[in-house]
Amino acid sequence: PIYRESQSLLSPYCVIKMASKLPKLTYLTRRGCQLCDQGVFILKKVKTKVDFTAEVVYVENDPQLKARFNDTVPVVKINDQVVCETKIKEREILEALRKATSLMDDEEYH
């Protein structure tokens, strides 16, 4: 979501949180992977608790990704940092997303 202060509250110190400031979750998967399918349900649950942008990438479409991640999918990356491989863990993803959100909020103030 996009949060906006009312016009009367706008000042140089107001923070306007734009969708582009949300953490980016990249889900590396491959077709026919049962663990990957299960991971999608976990990510949907996480999405109800923490907001983020998401991208799904099929490793078989990229030779470099296939070489690196084919045997360890599903993989969750947050802001390009690997958080989970092989087994999607809700708690680890939530912690990483909250940390990423906190870091991004800190950057807005500096």
C-alpha atoms as a PDB file:
ATOM      1  CA  PRO A   1       0.000   0.000   0.000  1.00  0.00           C
ATOM      2  CA  ILE A   2       0.954   3.599  -0.415  1.00  0.00           C
ATOM      3  CA  TYR A   3       0.672   5.740   2.675  1.00  0.00           C
ATOM      4  CA  ARG A   4       0.221   9.482   2.288  1.00  0.00           C
ATOM      5  CA  GLU A   5      -0.016  12.224   4.848  1.00  0.00           C
ATOM      6  CA  SER A   6      -2.804  14.735   4.378  1.00  0.00           C
ATOM      7  CA  GLN A   7      -1.852  17.933   2.563  1.00  0.00           C
ATOM      8  CA  SER A   8      -1.895  19.955   5.793  1.00  0.00           C
ATOM      9  CA  LEU A   9       0.720  17.663   7.338  1.00  0.00           C
ATOM     10  CA  LEU A  10       3.183  17.675   4.466  1.00  0.00           C
ATOM     11  CA  SER A  11       6.559  19.075   5.411  1.00  0.00           C
ATOM     12  CA  PRO A  12      10.182  18.333   4.575  1.00  0.00           C
ATOM     13  CA  TYR A  13      10.181  15.901   7.497  1.00  0.00           C
ATOM     14  CA  CYS A  14       7.113  13.900   6.454  1.00  0.00           C
ATOM     15  CA  VAL A  15       7.724  10.357   5.369  1.00  0.00           C
ATOM     16  CA  ILE A  16       5.705   9.097   2.432  1.00  0.00           C
ATOM     17  CA  LYS A  17       6.062   5.359   2.135  1.00  0.00           C
ATOM     18  CA  MET A  18       5.902   4.289  -1.484  1.00  0.00           C
ATOM     19  CA  ALA A  19       5.499   0.743  -2.778  1.00  0.00           C
ATOM     20  CA  SER A  20       9.044   0.894  -4.181  1.00  0.00           C
ATOM     21  CA  LYS A  21      10.308   1.211  -0.593  1.00  0.00           C
ATOM     22  CA  LEU A  22       8.953  -2.204   0.347  1.00  0.00           C
ATOM     23  CA  PRO A  23      11.356  -5.128   0.646  1.00  0.00           C
ATOM     24  CA  LYS A  24      11.639  -7.199  -2.511  1.00  0.00           C
ATOM     25  CA  LEU A  25      11.142 -10.937  -2.130  1.00  0.00           C
ATOM     26  CA  THR A  26      12.378 -13.088  -4.992  1.00  0.00           C
ATOM     27  CA  TYR A  27      11.097 -16.649  -5.079  1.00  0.00           C
ATOM     28  CA  LEU A  28      13.307 -19.000  -7.077  1.00  0.00           C
ATOM     29  CA  THR A  29      11.435 -22.103  -8.136  1.00  0.00           C
ATOM     30  CA  ARG A  30      11.156 -24.681 -10.882  1.00  0.00           C
ATOM     31  CA  ARG A  31       8.229 -26.392 -12.477  1.00  0.00           C
ATOM     32  CA  GLY A  32       7.219 -29.737 -10.982  1.00  0.00           C
ATOM     33  CA  CYS A  33       8.819 -29.024  -7.594  1.00  0.00           C
ATOM     34  CA  GLN A  34       6.497 -30.083  -4.742  1.00  0.00           C
ATOM     35  CA  LEU A  35       8.497 -28.185  -2.101  1.00  0.00           C
ATOM     36  CA  CYS A  36       8.181 -25.085  -4.274  1.00  0.00           C
ATOM     37  CA  ASP A  37       4.413 -25.486  -4.466  1.00  0.00           C
ATOM     38  CA  GLN A  38       4.247 -25.838  -0.673  1.00  0.00           C
ATOM     39  CA  GLY A  39       6.434 -22.768  -0.272  1.00  0.00           C
ATOM     40  CA  VAL A  40       3.898 -20.636  -2.129  1.00  0.00           C
ATOM     41  CA  PHE A  41       1.336 -21.301   0.618  1.00  0.00           C
ATOM     42  CA  ILE A  42       3.840 -20.199   3.271  1.00  0.00           C
ATOM     43  CA  LEU A  43       4.627 -17.013   1.334  1.00  0.00           C
ATOM     44  CA  LYS A  44       0.913 -16.213   1.034  1.00  0.00           C
ATOM     45  CA  LYS A  45       0.639 -16.547   4.815  1.00  0.00           C
ATOM     46  CA  VAL A  46       3.678 -14.303   5.310  1.00  0.00           C
ATOM     47  CA  LYS A  47       2.132 -11.702   2.969  1.00  0.00           C
ATOM     48  CA  THR A  48      -0.803 -11.335   5.370  1.00  0.00           C
ATOM     49  CA  LYS A  49       1.627 -10.302   8.125  1.00  0.00           C
ATOM     50  CA  VAL A  50       4.270  -8.197   6.346  1.00  0.00           C
ATOM     51  CA  ASP A  51       4.031  -6.255   3.103  1.00  0.00           C
ATOM     52  CA  PHE A  52       6.595  -6.788   0.345  1.00  0.00           C
ATOM     53  CA  THR A  53       6.909  -6.831  -3.414  1.00  0.00           C
ATOM     54  CA  ALA A  54       7.375 -10.245  -4.985  1.00  0.00           C
ATOM     55  CA  GLU A  55       8.915 -11.745  -8.072  1.00  0.00           C
ATOM     56  CA  VAL A  56       8.795 -15.409  -9.086  1.00  0.00           C
ATOM     57  CA  VAL A  57      11.761 -16.679 -11.088  1.00  0.00           C
ATOM     58  CA  TYR A  58      11.904 -20.108 -12.723  1.00  0.00           C
ATOM     59  CA  VAL A  59      15.527 -21.252 -12.509  1.00  0.00           C
ATOM     60  CA  GLU A  60      15.255 -23.447 -15.602  1.00  0.00           C
ATOM     61  CA  ASN A  61      14.884 -20.273 -17.698  1.00  0.00           C
ATOM     62  CA  ASP A  62      18.323 -18.960 -16.692  1.00  0.00           C
ATOM     63  CA  PRO A  63      21.438 -21.141 -17.073  1.00  0.00           C
ATOM     64  CA  GLN A  64      23.325 -19.363 -14.260  1.00  0.00           C
ATOM     65  CA  LEU A  65      20.449 -19.633 -11.812  1.00  0.00           C
ATOM     66  CA  LYS A  66      19.860 -23.252 -12.808  1.00  0.00           C
ATOM     67  CA  ALA A  67      23.499 -24.113 -12.183  1.00  0.00           C
ATOM     68  CA  ARG A  68      23.483 -22.399  -8.780  1.00  0.00           C
ATOM     69  CA  PHE A  69      19.998 -23.166  -7.425  1.00  0.00           C
ATOM     70  CA  ASN A  70      18.427 -26.093  -9.325  1.00  0.00           C
ATOM     71  CA  ASP A  71      19.145 -28.573  -6.521  1.00  0.00           C
ATOM     72  CA  THR A  72      18.231 -26.183  -3.695  1.00  0.00           C
ATOM     73  CA  VAL A  73      14.902 -24.705  -4.844  1.00  0.00           C
ATOM     74  CA  PRO A  74      12.763 -23.317  -3.471  1.00  0.00           C
ATOM     75  CA  VAL A  75      14.908 -20.333  -2.582  1.00  0.00           C
ATOM     76  CA  VAL A  76      13.747 -17.100  -1.000  1.00  0.00           C
ATOM     77  CA  LYS A  77      15.824 -13.977  -1.462  1.00  0.00           C
ATOM     78  CA  ILE A  78      15.009 -10.679   0.198  1.00  0.00           C
ATOM     79  CA  ASN A  79      16.608  -7.640  -1.393  1.00  0.00           C
ATOM     80  CA  ASP A  80      18.940 -10.069  -3.217  1.00  0.00           C
ATOM     81  CA  GLN A  81      20.088 -11.842  -0.018  1.00  0.00           C
ATOM     82  CA  VAL A  82      19.353 -15.568   0.265  1.00  0.00           C
ATOM     83  CA  VAL A  83      17.170 -16.198   3.322  1.00  0.00           C
ATOM     84  CA  CYS A  84      15.990 -19.795   2.792  1.00  0.00           C
ATOM     85  CA  GLU A  85      17.025 -22.645   0.534  1.00  0.00           C
ATOM     86  CA  THR A  86      15.311 -26.018   0.054  1.00  0.00           C
ATOM     87  CA  LYS A  87      12.875 -25.585   2.967  1.00  0.00           C
ATOM     88  CA  ILE A  88      10.802 -22.410   3.264  1.00  0.00           C
ATOM     89  CA  LYS A  89      10.655 -21.300   6.886  1.00  0.00           C
ATOM     90  CA  GLU A  90       7.980 -18.761   7.731  1.00  0.00           C
ATOM     91  CA  ARG A  91       9.740 -17.482  10.825  1.00  0.00           C
ATOM     92  CA  GLU A  92      13.040 -16.816   9.034  1.00  0.00           C
ATOM     93  CA  ILE A  93      11.269 -15.019   6.205  1.00  0.00           C
ATOM     94  CA  LEU A  94       9.242 -12.866   8.598  1.00  0.00           C
ATOM     95  CA  GLU A  95      12.367 -11.898  10.548  1.00  0.00           C
ATOM     96  CA  ALA A  96      14.280 -11.048   7.383  1.00  0.00           C
ATOM     97  CA  LEU A  97      11.391  -8.990   5.968  1.00  0.00           C
ATOM     98  CA  ARG A  98      10.958  -7.070   9.219  1.00  0.00           C
ATOM     99  CA  LYS A  99      14.683  -6.383   9.360  1.00  0.00           C
ATOM    100  CA  ALA A 100      14.714  -5.257   5.719  1.00  0.00           C
ATOM    101  CA  THR A 101      11.713  -2.991   6.342  1.00  0.00           C
ATOM    102  CA  SER A 102      13.409  -1.491   9.387  1.00  0.00           C
ATOM    103  CA  LEU A 103      16.634  -0.847   7.455  1.00  0.00           C
ATOM    104  CA  MET A 104      14.718   0.745   4.588  1.00  0.00           C
ATOM    105  CA  ASP A 105      12.804   2.979   7.029  1.00  0.00           C
ATOM    106  CA  ASP A 106      16.106   4.055   8.608  1.00  0.00           C
ATOM    107  CA  GLU A 107      17.481   4.971   5.179  1.00  0.00           C
ATOM    108  CA  GLU A 108      14.464   7.269   4.554  1.00  0.00           C
ATOM    109  CA  TYR A 109      15.462   9.401   7.512  1.00  0.00           C
ATOM    110  CA  HIS A 110      19.097   9.816   6.456  1.00  0.00           C
END
